[in-house]
Amino acid sequence: MLEGLLLIQQRIAHGEEQALAELYQHFHKKLQHFAKAIVRNEETAEELVEDVFVKLWCNRNRIASIENLTVYLYVAVKNKSLNTLSRKATELVSKGFDFLDIDIDDNTPGPQDLMITAEMMQRMNKAIDALPPRCKMIFKLVREDGLKYKEVAEILNISVNTIDAQMAIAVKRICTALNINYSSKTFDHTTVSQNHR
């Protein structure tokens, strides 16, 4: 996807509206879900995401200087969400997202989900839902949105080690809920989080 994003950036820089539409189509649901976790309102989240894309288009002459477009979009949405909650912005940042209630999107099943029984899926979703809020947000950004640990660290302004630790907690709790024997060997970074480097 990285090469595709670089190409889209070039196309947007040259004023191609279709490229912006493609970028919006790829990211808007994930970004809207992310914004909703912060502002707690579907309509506001939708408006925020649209505003970010409008601003990106208005400043398209500078888009080539964006090193990581994915991180840029998430950070822009996060900042706009926090600005929308201006009175609570300081509180939001100081608590490090620990109080947020993140909904896990059930509309993106992976191949492994299709092999799991309905009962196991129910138990797994319950275990994910019971994760501490920051842990749940990190798990969602890594596993559902497919972001790298480094990208999530940049977006949430925390260390990669914190992401690593939170993912380990998530995996351990999910394994416990599914009665899977968890050990440090079970949490293999190459399989569970192959994109974190």
N, C-alpha and C. Protein backbone atom coordinates (compact mmCIF):
# COMPACT_ATOMS: atom_id res chain seq x y z
N MET A 1 0.83 -1.21 0.00
CA MET A 1 0.00 0.00 0.00
C MET A 1 0.86 1.26 0.00
N LEU A 2 2.10 1.16 0.53
CA LEU A 2 2.97 2.34 0.63
C LEU A 2 3.25 2.95 -0.73
N GLU A 3 3.60 2.11 -1.72
CA GLU A 3 3.87 2.62 -3.06
C GLU A 3 2.62 3.27 -3.64
N GLY A 4 1.46 2.65 -3.37
CA GLY A 4 0.20 3.20 -3.84
C GLY A 4 -0.07 4.57 -3.23
N LEU A 5 0.25 4.72 -1.94
CA LEU A 5 0.03 6.01 -1.27
C LEU A 5 0.95 7.09 -1.84
N LEU A 6 2.18 6.71 -2.14
CA LEU A 6 3.12 7.68 -2.71
C LEU A 6 2.61 8.16 -4.07
N LEU A 7 2.08 7.23 -4.83
CA LEU A 7 1.53 7.58 -6.15
C LEU A 7 0.31 8.48 -6.00
N ILE A 8 -0.55 8.15 -5.04
CA ILE A 8 -1.74 8.97 -4.78
C ILE A 8 -1.33 10.38 -4.35
N GLN A 9 -0.29 10.47 -3.50
CA GLN A 9 0.21 11.79 -3.09
C GLN A 9 0.62 12.61 -4.31
N GLN A 10 1.33 11.98 -5.23
CA GLN A 10 1.78 12.68 -6.44
C GLN A 10 0.59 13.13 -7.28
N ARG A 11 -0.39 12.24 -7.40
CA ARG A 11 -1.58 12.57 -8.20
C ARG A 11 -2.37 13.72 -7.57
N ILE A 12 -2.47 13.71 -6.24
CA ILE A 12 -3.18 14.80 -5.55
C ILE A 12 -2.41 16.10 -5.73
N ALA A 13 -1.10 16.02 -5.61
CA ALA A 13 -0.25 17.20 -5.79
C ALA A 13 -0.46 17.83 -7.17
N HIS A 14 -0.79 17.00 -8.16
CA HIS A 14 -1.03 17.50 -9.52
C HIS A 14 -2.50 17.87 -9.74
N GLY A 15 -3.28 17.89 -8.63
CA GLY A 15 -4.65 18.37 -8.72
C GLY A 15 -5.67 17.35 -9.21
N GLU A 16 -5.34 16.07 -9.06
CA GLU A 16 -6.26 15.02 -9.52
C GLU A 16 -7.27 14.68 -8.42
N GLU A 17 -8.51 15.12 -8.62
CA GLU A 17 -9.56 14.91 -7.61
C GLU A 17 -9.87 13.43 -7.40
N GLN A 18 -9.75 12.64 -8.45
CA GLN A 18 -10.03 11.20 -8.35
C GLN A 18 -9.08 10.53 -7.34
N ALA A 19 -7.85 11.02 -7.29
CA ALA A 19 -6.87 10.47 -6.35
C ALA A 19 -7.30 10.75 -4.91
N LEU A 20 -7.82 11.95 -4.67
CA LEU A 20 -8.32 12.29 -3.34
C LEU A 20 -9.52 11.40 -2.98
N ALA A 21 -10.38 11.16 -3.96
CA ALA A 21 -11.55 10.30 -3.74
C ALA A 21 -11.11 8.88 -3.37
N GLU A 22 -10.07 8.38 -4.03
CA GLU A 22 -9.55 7.03 -3.74
C GLU A 22 -8.96 6.98 -2.32
N LEU A 23 -8.25 8.02 -1.96
CA LEU A 23 -7.65 8.09 -0.63
C LEU A 23 -8.75 8.13 0.43
N TYR A 24 -9.77 8.93 0.18
CA TYR A 24 -10.90 9.04 1.11
C TYR A 24 -11.60 7.69 1.26
N GLN A 25 -11.83 7.03 0.12
CA GLN A 25 -12.51 5.73 0.13
C GLN A 25 -11.73 4.71 0.97
N HIS A 26 -10.42 4.76 0.89
CA HIS A 26 -9.57 3.79 1.60
C HIS A 26 -9.54 4.04 3.11
N PHE A 27 -9.53 5.33 3.51
CA PHE A 27 -9.29 5.66 4.91
C PHE A 27 -10.50 6.13 5.72
N HIS A 28 -11.56 6.60 5.06
CA HIS A 28 -12.57 7.35 5.82
C HIS A 28 -13.24 6.54 6.93
N LYS A 29 -13.54 5.25 6.72
CA LYS A 29 -14.21 4.47 7.75
C LYS A 29 -13.32 4.27 8.98
N LYS A 30 -12.05 3.95 8.73
CA LYS A 30 -11.10 3.74 9.83
C LYS A 30 -10.91 5.04 10.62
N LEU A 31 -10.75 6.15 9.90
CA LEU A 31 -10.53 7.44 10.55
C LEU A 31 -11.78 7.89 11.30
N GLN A 32 -12.93 7.62 10.74
CA GLN A 32 -14.19 8.00 11.39
C GLN A 32 -14.36 7.22 12.69
N HIS A 33 -14.02 5.94 12.67
CA HIS A 33 -14.11 5.09 13.86
C HIS A 33 -13.14 5.61 14.93
N PHE A 34 -11.96 6.02 14.50
CA PHE A 34 -10.94 6.56 15.40
C PHE A 34 -11.42 7.87 16.02
N ALA A 35 -11.98 8.76 15.19
CA ALA A 35 -12.48 10.05 15.67
C ALA A 35 -13.64 9.86 16.64
N LYS A 36 -14.52 8.91 16.32
CA LYS A 36 -15.69 8.66 17.17
C LYS A 36 -15.26 8.21 18.57
N ALA A 37 -14.16 7.47 18.64
CA ALA A 37 -13.66 7.02 19.95
C ALA A 37 -13.27 8.21 20.82
N ILE A 38 -12.91 9.32 20.18
CA ILE A 38 -12.49 10.51 20.93
C ILE A 38 -13.66 11.45 21.18
N VAL A 39 -14.43 11.76 20.14
CA VAL A 39 -15.50 12.76 20.30
C VAL A 39 -16.84 12.17 20.73
N ARG A 40 -16.95 10.85 20.64
CA ARG A 40 -18.15 10.13 21.09
C ARG A 40 -19.41 10.53 20.33
N ASN A 41 -19.26 10.91 19.08
CA ASN A 41 -20.43 11.32 18.29
C ASN A 41 -20.18 10.99 16.83
N GLU A 42 -21.08 10.19 16.25
CA GLU A 42 -20.92 9.71 14.86
C GLU A 42 -20.87 10.86 13.86
N GLU A 43 -21.83 11.78 13.96
CA GLU A 43 -21.90 12.89 13.00
C GLU A 43 -20.68 13.80 13.10
N THR A 44 -20.28 14.11 14.33
CA THR A 44 -19.11 14.97 14.53
C THR A 44 -17.86 14.29 13.97
N ALA A 45 -17.75 12.98 14.23
CA ALA A 45 -16.59 12.23 13.72
C ALA A 45 -16.54 12.27 12.20
N GLU A 46 -17.71 12.12 11.57
CA GLU A 46 -17.78 12.15 10.10
C GLU A 46 -17.36 13.52 9.57
N GLU A 47 -17.84 14.57 10.21
CA GLU A 47 -17.49 15.94 9.79
C GLU A 47 -16.00 16.20 9.95
N LEU A 48 -15.45 15.73 11.07
CA LEU A 48 -14.02 15.92 11.32
C LEU A 48 -13.17 15.30 10.22
N VAL A 49 -13.52 14.07 9.87
CA VAL A 49 -12.75 13.36 8.83
C VAL A 49 -12.87 14.08 7.49
N GLU A 50 -14.08 14.51 7.16
CA GLU A 50 -14.27 15.25 5.91
C GLU A 50 -13.46 16.54 5.90
N ASP A 51 -13.43 17.22 7.05
CA ASP A 51 -12.64 18.46 7.17
C ASP A 51 -11.16 18.20 6.92
N VAL A 52 -10.67 17.09 7.45
CA VAL A 52 -9.25 16.75 7.28
C VAL A 52 -8.93 16.55 5.80
N PHE A 53 -9.82 15.87 5.08
CA PHE A 53 -9.59 15.64 3.65
C PHE A 53 -9.73 16.93 2.83
N VAL A 54 -10.66 17.79 3.24
CA VAL A 54 -10.81 19.09 2.57
C VAL A 54 -9.53 19.91 2.75
N LYS A 55 -9.01 19.91 3.98
CA LYS A 55 -7.78 20.66 4.26
C LYS A 55 -6.60 20.09 3.48
N LEU A 56 -6.56 18.75 3.40
CA LEU A 56 -5.49 18.10 2.64
C LEU A 56 -5.53 18.54 1.18
N TRP A 57 -6.74 18.63 0.62
CA TRP A 57 -6.90 19.05 -0.77
C TRP A 57 -6.51 20.52 -0.95
N CYS A 58 -6.93 21.35 -0.01
CA CYS A 58 -6.62 22.78 -0.09
C CYS A 58 -5.11 23.04 -0.01
N ASN A 59 -4.41 22.16 0.72
CA ASN A 59 -2.96 22.31 0.87
C ASN A 59 -2.20 21.27 0.06
N ARG A 60 -2.79 20.85 -1.07
CA ARG A 60 -2.19 19.78 -1.87
C ARG A 60 -0.82 20.12 -2.42
N ASN A 61 -0.52 21.42 -2.52
CA ASN A 61 0.81 21.81 -3.00
C ASN A 61 1.91 21.41 -2.02
N ARG A 62 1.51 21.09 -0.77
CA ARG A 62 2.49 20.68 0.25
C ARG A 62 2.44 19.19 0.55
N ILE A 63 1.58 18.45 -0.15
CA ILE A 63 1.38 17.04 0.18
C ILE A 63 2.63 16.19 -0.07
N ALA A 64 3.45 16.61 -1.02
CA ALA A 64 4.66 15.84 -1.34
C ALA A 64 5.64 15.80 -0.16
N SER A 65 5.54 16.79 0.73
CA SER A 65 6.47 16.85 1.87
C SER A 65 6.04 15.94 3.03
N ILE A 66 4.86 15.31 2.93
CA ILE A 66 4.37 14.42 3.99
C ILE A 66 5.10 13.09 3.86
N GLU A 67 5.83 12.72 4.89
CA GLU A 67 6.64 11.51 4.85
C GLU A 67 5.81 10.24 4.96
N ASN A 68 4.84 10.23 5.86
CA ASN A 68 3.98 9.05 6.04
C ASN A 68 2.54 9.54 6.06
N LEU A 69 1.85 9.35 4.95
CA LEU A 69 0.50 9.88 4.78
C LEU A 69 -0.49 9.24 5.76
N THR A 70 -0.29 7.96 6.06
CA THR A 70 -1.17 7.27 7.01
C THR A 70 -1.11 7.92 8.39
N VAL A 71 0.12 8.09 8.89
CA VAL A 71 0.31 8.73 10.20
C VAL A 71 -0.23 10.16 10.17
N TYR A 72 0.04 10.88 9.08
CA TYR A 72 -0.43 12.26 8.94
C TYR A 72 -1.95 12.34 9.10
N LEU A 73 -2.68 11.43 8.43
CA LEU A 73 -4.14 11.46 8.48
C LEU A 73 -4.67 11.15 9.88
N TYR A 74 -4.10 10.13 10.52
CA TYR A 74 -4.54 9.78 11.88
C TYR A 74 -4.24 10.91 12.87
N VAL A 75 -3.05 11.49 12.76
CA VAL A 75 -2.68 12.59 13.67
C VAL A 75 -3.56 13.81 13.42
N ALA A 76 -3.84 14.09 12.14
CA ALA A 76 -4.70 15.23 11.80
C ALA A 76 -6.10 15.03 12.39
N VAL A 77 -6.63 13.81 12.28
CA VAL A 77 -7.95 13.51 12.84
C VAL A 77 -7.91 13.60 14.36
N LYS A 78 -6.84 13.07 14.96
CA LYS A 78 -6.71 13.13 16.42
C LYS A 78 -6.68 14.59 16.88
N ASN A 79 -5.85 15.41 16.23
CA ASN A 79 -5.73 16.82 16.63
C ASN A 79 -7.04 17.58 16.45
N LYS A 80 -7.71 17.31 15.33
CA LYS A 80 -8.98 18.00 15.06
C LYS A 80 -10.03 17.56 16.09
N SER A 81 -10.01 16.27 16.45
CA SER A 81 -10.94 15.77 17.45
C SER A 81 -10.70 16.43 18.80
N LEU A 82 -9.43 16.54 19.16
CA LEU A 82 -9.08 17.17 20.44
C LEU A 82 -9.42 18.66 20.44
N ASN A 83 -9.23 19.31 19.30
CA ASN A 83 -9.59 20.73 19.20
C ASN A 83 -11.09 20.92 19.31
N THR A 84 -11.84 19.96 18.78
CA THR A 84 -13.30 20.00 18.88
C THR A 84 -13.72 19.92 20.34
N LEU A 85 -12.98 19.16 21.09
CA LEU A 85 -13.24 19.05 22.52
C LEU A 85 -12.29 19.96 23.29
N SER A 86 -12.17 21.20 22.82
CA SER A 86 -11.14 22.12 23.34
C SER A 86 -11.10 22.21 24.86
N ARG A 87 -12.23 22.21 25.49
CA ARG A 87 -12.23 22.33 26.95
C ARG A 87 -11.65 21.09 27.62
N LYS A 88 -11.77 19.96 26.92
CA LYS A 88 -11.29 18.72 27.50
C LYS A 88 -9.96 18.26 26.92
N ALA A 89 -9.42 19.04 26.00
CA ALA A 89 -8.22 18.60 25.28
C ALA A 89 -7.05 18.28 26.22
N THR A 90 -6.81 19.16 27.19
CA THR A 90 -5.70 18.92 28.12
C THR A 90 -5.92 17.65 28.92
N GLU A 91 -7.14 17.47 29.36
CA GLU A 91 -7.48 16.26 30.13
C GLU A 91 -7.30 15.00 29.28
N LEU A 92 -7.73 15.08 28.02
CA LEU A 92 -7.60 13.93 27.12
C LEU A 92 -6.15 13.51 26.96
N VAL A 93 -5.28 14.49 26.70
CA VAL A 93 -3.86 14.18 26.47
C VAL A 93 -3.20 13.68 27.74
N SER A 94 -3.50 14.34 28.88
CA SER A 94 -2.86 13.96 30.14
C SER A 94 -3.23 12.55 30.59
N LYS A 95 -4.43 12.11 30.24
CA LYS A 95 -4.84 10.76 30.63
C LYS A 95 -4.37 9.72 29.63
N GLY A 96 -3.75 10.16 28.54
CA GLY A 96 -3.18 9.23 27.59
C GLY A 96 -4.17 8.23 27.01
N PHE A 97 -5.42 8.65 26.82
CA PHE A 97 -6.46 7.83 26.21
C PHE A 97 -6.90 6.66 27.08
N ASP A 98 -6.49 6.63 28.35
CA ASP A 98 -6.83 5.50 29.22
C ASP A 98 -8.32 5.40 29.51
N PHE A 99 -9.04 6.52 29.36
CA PHE A 99 -10.46 6.49 29.73
C PHE A 99 -11.38 6.26 28.55
N LEU A 100 -10.83 6.20 27.33
CA LEU A 100 -11.68 6.08 26.15
C LEU A 100 -12.32 4.69 26.05
N ASP A 101 -13.55 4.67 25.60
CA ASP A 101 -14.24 3.41 25.40
C ASP A 101 -14.25 3.13 23.91
N ILE A 102 -13.35 2.25 23.48
CA ILE A 102 -13.18 1.99 22.06
C ILE A 102 -14.04 0.82 21.63
N ASP A 103 -14.82 1.02 20.57
CA ASP A 103 -15.59 -0.07 20.01
C ASP A 103 -14.75 -0.77 18.96
N ILE A 104 -14.69 -2.09 19.06
CA ILE A 104 -13.97 -2.85 18.05
C ILE A 104 -14.92 -3.09 16.88
N ASP A 105 -14.45 -2.80 15.68
CA ASP A 105 -15.27 -2.94 14.48
C ASP A 105 -15.36 -4.41 14.09
N ASP A 106 -16.57 -4.95 14.14
CA ASP A 106 -16.76 -6.37 13.81
C ASP A 106 -16.94 -6.60 12.31
N ASN A 107 -16.87 -5.52 11.52
CA ASN A 107 -17.14 -5.66 10.09
C ASN A 107 -15.91 -6.00 9.26
N THR A 108 -14.79 -6.30 9.92
CA THR A 108 -13.58 -6.58 9.16
C THR A 108 -12.98 -7.92 9.56
N PRO A 109 -13.69 -9.01 9.30
CA PRO A 109 -13.15 -10.31 9.68
C PRO A 109 -11.98 -10.70 8.79
N GLY A 110 -10.94 -11.25 9.40
CA GLY A 110 -9.80 -11.74 8.66
C GLY A 110 -9.99 -13.22 8.36
N PRO A 111 -9.07 -13.81 7.59
CA PRO A 111 -9.18 -15.23 7.24
C PRO A 111 -9.26 -16.13 8.48
N GLN A 112 -8.48 -15.76 9.52
CA GLN A 112 -8.48 -16.59 10.73
C GLN A 112 -9.84 -16.57 11.42
N ASP A 113 -10.56 -15.43 11.29
CA ASP A 113 -11.87 -15.34 11.94
C ASP A 113 -12.86 -16.35 11.36
N LEU A 114 -12.72 -16.62 10.05
CA LEU A 114 -13.66 -17.50 9.38
C LEU A 114 -13.51 -18.95 9.85
N MET A 115 -12.35 -19.27 10.41
CA MET A 115 -12.11 -20.64 10.87
C MET A 115 -12.49 -20.84 12.33
N ILE A 116 -12.78 -19.75 13.02
CA ILE A 116 -13.11 -19.82 14.43
C ILE A 116 -14.61 -20.01 14.61
N THR A 117 -14.99 -20.86 15.52
CA THR A 117 -16.42 -21.10 15.73
C THR A 117 -17.10 -19.84 16.25
N ALA A 118 -18.40 -19.80 16.08
CA ALA A 118 -19.17 -18.64 16.54
C ALA A 118 -19.01 -18.44 18.04
N GLU A 119 -18.96 -19.53 18.78
CA GLU A 119 -18.80 -19.43 20.23
C GLU A 119 -17.45 -18.81 20.59
N MET A 120 -16.39 -19.26 19.89
CA MET A 120 -15.06 -18.71 20.16
C MET A 120 -15.00 -17.23 19.79
N MET A 121 -15.65 -16.88 18.67
CA MET A 121 -15.67 -15.47 18.25
C MET A 121 -16.36 -14.61 19.31
N GLN A 122 -17.45 -15.16 19.86
CA GLN A 122 -18.19 -14.43 20.89
C GLN A 122 -17.30 -14.22 22.12
N ARG A 123 -16.59 -15.28 22.52
CA ARG A 123 -15.69 -15.18 23.67
C ARG A 123 -14.53 -14.23 23.40
N MET A 124 -14.02 -14.27 22.15
CA MET A 124 -12.90 -13.40 21.79
C MET A 124 -13.35 -11.94 21.79
N ASN A 125 -14.52 -11.66 21.20
CA ASN A 125 -15.03 -10.28 21.17
C ASN A 125 -15.29 -9.75 22.57
N LYS A 126 -15.76 -10.65 23.45
CA LYS A 126 -16.02 -10.26 24.84
C LYS A 126 -14.70 -9.92 25.53
N ALA A 127 -13.66 -10.73 25.25
CA ALA A 127 -12.34 -10.49 25.84
C ALA A 127 -11.75 -9.18 25.34
N ILE A 128 -11.91 -8.90 24.04
CA ILE A 128 -11.41 -7.64 23.46
C ILE A 128 -12.15 -6.45 24.07
N ASP A 129 -13.47 -6.60 24.19
CA ASP A 129 -14.29 -5.53 24.75
C ASP A 129 -13.94 -5.22 26.20
N ALA A 130 -13.43 -6.24 26.91
CA ALA A 130 -13.08 -6.07 28.33
C ALA A 130 -11.67 -5.52 28.53
N LEU A 131 -10.93 -5.33 27.44
CA LEU A 131 -9.57 -4.79 27.56
C LEU A 131 -9.61 -3.37 28.11
N PRO A 132 -8.55 -2.95 28.83
CA PRO A 132 -8.49 -1.54 29.25
C PRO A 132 -8.58 -0.64 28.01
N PRO A 133 -9.20 0.53 28.13
CA PRO A 133 -9.45 1.38 26.95
C PRO A 133 -8.23 1.66 26.07
N ARG A 134 -7.09 2.05 26.66
CA ARG A 134 -5.92 2.34 25.83
C ARG A 134 -5.45 1.07 25.13
N CYS A 135 -5.47 -0.03 25.85
CA CYS A 135 -5.06 -1.32 25.30
C CYS A 135 -5.96 -1.69 24.12
N LYS A 136 -7.25 -1.44 24.27
CA LYS A 136 -8.22 -1.75 23.22
C LYS A 136 -7.99 -0.88 21.98
N MET A 137 -7.70 0.41 22.21
CA MET A 137 -7.44 1.31 21.08
C MET A 137 -6.21 0.85 20.31
N ILE A 138 -5.15 0.51 21.04
CA ILE A 138 -3.90 0.07 20.41
C ILE A 138 -4.14 -1.22 19.63
N PHE A 139 -4.85 -2.16 20.25
CA PHE A 139 -5.16 -3.44 19.60
C PHE A 139 -5.92 -3.20 18.30
N LYS A 140 -6.89 -2.28 18.34
CA LYS A 140 -7.70 -1.99 17.16
C LYS A 140 -6.85 -1.38 16.05
N LEU A 141 -6.00 -0.40 16.40
CA LEU A 141 -5.18 0.27 15.38
C LEU A 141 -4.20 -0.70 14.73
N VAL A 142 -3.66 -1.63 15.53
CA VAL A 142 -2.69 -2.59 15.00
C VAL A 142 -3.38 -3.71 14.22
N ARG A 143 -4.36 -4.36 14.85
CA ARG A 143 -4.96 -5.55 14.24
C ARG A 143 -6.03 -5.24 13.20
N GLU A 144 -6.85 -4.21 13.44
CA GLU A 144 -7.94 -3.92 12.50
C GLU A 144 -7.52 -2.92 11.43
N ASP A 145 -6.85 -1.86 11.84
CA ASP A 145 -6.47 -0.84 10.87
C ASP A 145 -5.15 -1.17 10.18
N GLY A 146 -4.44 -2.18 10.70
CA GLY A 146 -3.21 -2.65 10.05
C GLY A 146 -2.03 -1.70 10.16
N LEU A 147 -2.03 -0.86 11.20
CA LEU A 147 -0.92 0.08 11.36
C LEU A 147 0.29 -0.59 12.01
N LYS A 148 1.46 -0.08 11.72
CA LYS A 148 2.68 -0.58 12.34
C LYS A 148 2.80 -0.01 13.75
N TYR A 149 3.54 -0.72 14.59
CA TYR A 149 3.73 -0.25 15.97
C TYR A 149 4.28 1.18 15.98
N LYS A 150 5.25 1.44 15.10
CA LYS A 150 5.88 2.77 15.04
C LYS A 150 4.86 3.84 14.69
N GLU A 151 3.94 3.50 13.78
CA GLU A 151 2.90 4.46 13.37
C GLU A 151 1.94 4.73 14.52
N VAL A 152 1.52 3.68 15.21
CA VAL A 152 0.61 3.85 16.35
C VAL A 152 1.29 4.68 17.44
N ALA A 153 2.58 4.43 17.66
CA ALA A 153 3.34 5.19 18.66
C ALA A 153 3.34 6.67 18.31
N GLU A 154 3.53 6.98 17.03
CA GLU A 154 3.53 8.38 16.58
C GLU A 154 2.15 9.00 16.75
N ILE A 155 1.12 8.26 16.37
CA ILE A 155 -0.25 8.77 16.44
C ILE A 155 -0.66 9.08 17.87
N LEU A 156 -0.37 8.15 18.79
CA LEU A 156 -0.79 8.32 20.19
C LEU A 156 0.28 8.99 21.05
N ASN A 157 1.43 9.29 20.45
CA ASN A 157 2.51 9.97 21.15
C ASN A 157 3.00 9.18 22.37
N ILE A 158 3.19 7.87 22.16
CA ILE A 158 3.74 7.01 23.20
C ILE A 158 4.85 6.17 22.58
N SER A 159 5.58 5.43 23.41
CA SER A 159 6.72 4.68 22.89
C SER A 159 6.30 3.37 22.23
N VAL A 160 7.17 2.87 21.34
CA VAL A 160 6.94 1.58 20.70
C VAL A 160 6.90 0.48 21.76
N ASN A 161 7.73 0.61 22.81
CA ASN A 161 7.74 -0.37 23.90
C ASN A 161 6.38 -0.44 24.60
N THR A 162 5.72 0.71 24.73
CA THR A 162 4.39 0.73 25.34
C THR A 162 3.40 -0.02 24.45
N ILE A 163 3.49 0.19 23.14
CA ILE A 163 2.63 -0.52 22.19
C ILE A 163 2.86 -2.02 22.35
N ASP A 164 4.13 -2.40 22.37
CA ASP A 164 4.52 -3.81 22.51
C ASP A 164 3.90 -4.41 23.77
N ALA A 165 4.05 -3.70 24.88
CA ALA A 165 3.53 -4.19 26.16
C ALA A 165 2.01 -4.30 26.15
N GLN A 166 1.35 -3.30 25.58
CA GLN A 166 -0.12 -3.31 25.53
C GLN A 166 -0.64 -4.42 24.63
N MET A 167 0.04 -4.68 23.52
CA MET A 167 -0.36 -5.78 22.63
C MET A 167 -0.16 -7.13 23.33
N ALA A 168 0.91 -7.24 24.11
CA ALA A 168 1.16 -8.48 24.87
C ALA A 168 0.03 -8.73 25.87
N ILE A 169 -0.39 -7.65 26.55
CA ILE A 169 -1.50 -7.74 27.50
C ILE A 169 -2.77 -8.20 26.78
N ALA A 170 -3.04 -7.57 25.62
CA ALA A 170 -4.24 -7.90 24.85
C ALA A 170 -4.23 -9.37 24.45
N VAL A 171 -3.11 -9.82 23.89
CA VAL A 171 -3.01 -11.21 23.42
C VAL A 171 -3.15 -12.18 24.59
N LYS A 172 -2.51 -11.86 25.71
CA LYS A 172 -2.57 -12.73 26.89
C LYS A 172 -4.02 -12.86 27.38
N ARG A 173 -4.72 -11.74 27.45
CA ARG A 173 -6.11 -11.77 27.94
C ARG A 173 -7.03 -12.51 26.98
N ILE A 174 -6.80 -12.33 25.69
CA ILE A 174 -7.63 -13.03 24.70
C ILE A 174 -7.35 -14.53 24.76
N CYS A 175 -6.07 -14.91 24.89
CA CYS A 175 -5.70 -16.32 25.02
C CYS A 175 -6.35 -16.94 26.25
N THR A 176 -6.33 -16.20 27.36
CA THR A 176 -6.94 -16.69 28.60
C THR A 176 -8.44 -16.92 28.40
N ALA A 177 -9.09 -15.96 27.74
CA ALA A 177 -10.54 -16.07 27.51
C ALA A 177 -10.88 -17.26 26.62
N LEU A 178 -9.95 -17.59 25.71
CA LEU A 178 -10.20 -18.70 24.78
C LEU A 178 -9.60 -20.01 25.28
N ASN A 179 -9.08 -19.98 26.53
CA ASN A 179 -8.44 -21.15 27.12
C ASN A 179 -7.26 -21.67 26.30
N ILE A 180 -6.51 -20.73 25.72
CA ILE A 180 -5.30 -21.09 24.98
C ILE A 180 -4.13 -20.90 25.93
N ASN A 181 -3.25 -21.86 25.98
CA ASN A 181 -2.09 -21.77 26.87
C ASN A 181 -1.17 -20.65 26.41
N TYR A 182 -1.08 -19.59 27.22
CA TYR A 182 -0.27 -18.43 26.86
C TYR A 182 1.11 -18.52 27.50
N SER A 183 2.11 -18.26 26.71
CA SER A 183 3.48 -18.12 27.25
C SER A 183 4.18 -17.08 26.42
N SER A 184 5.36 -16.69 26.84
CA SER A 184 6.10 -15.68 26.07
C SER A 184 6.38 -16.19 24.66
N LYS A 185 6.46 -17.53 24.50
CA LYS A 185 6.69 -18.09 23.17
C LYS A 185 5.44 -17.97 22.31
N THR A 186 4.27 -18.01 22.98
CA THR A 186 3.02 -17.86 22.23
C THR A 186 2.96 -16.50 21.56
N PHE A 187 3.45 -15.49 22.28
CA PHE A 187 3.42 -14.13 21.73
C PHE A 187 4.65 -13.93 20.84
N ASP A 188 4.57 -14.53 19.66
CA ASP A 188 5.67 -14.46 18.70
C ASP A 188 5.50 -13.21 17.87
N HIS A 189 6.45 -12.29 17.99
CA HIS A 189 6.32 -10.99 17.30
C HIS A 189 6.26 -11.15 15.79
N THR A 190 6.80 -12.24 15.26
CA THR A 190 6.79 -12.39 13.81
C THR A 190 5.42 -12.80 13.29
N THR A 191 4.62 -13.44 14.17
CA THR A 191 3.30 -13.86 13.71
C THR A 191 2.19 -12.98 14.24
N VAL A 192 2.26 -12.62 15.51
CA VAL A 192 1.20 -11.82 16.12
C VAL A 192 1.29 -10.38 15.69
N SER A 193 2.50 -9.87 15.60
CA SER A 193 2.67 -8.44 15.28
C SER A 193 3.80 -8.26 14.29
N GLN A 194 3.67 -8.92 13.15
CA GLN A 194 4.76 -8.94 12.21
C GLN A 194 5.12 -7.57 11.63
N ASN A 195 4.26 -6.57 11.83
CA ASN A 195 4.52 -5.27 11.23
C ASN A 195 5.02 -4.25 12.21
N HIS A 196 5.44 -4.65 13.43
CA HIS A 196 5.70 -3.62 14.43
C HIS A 196 7.06 -2.98 14.31
N ARG A 197 7.95 -3.53 13.52
CA ARG A 197 9.27 -2.90 13.41
C ARG A 197 9.29 -1.81 12.36
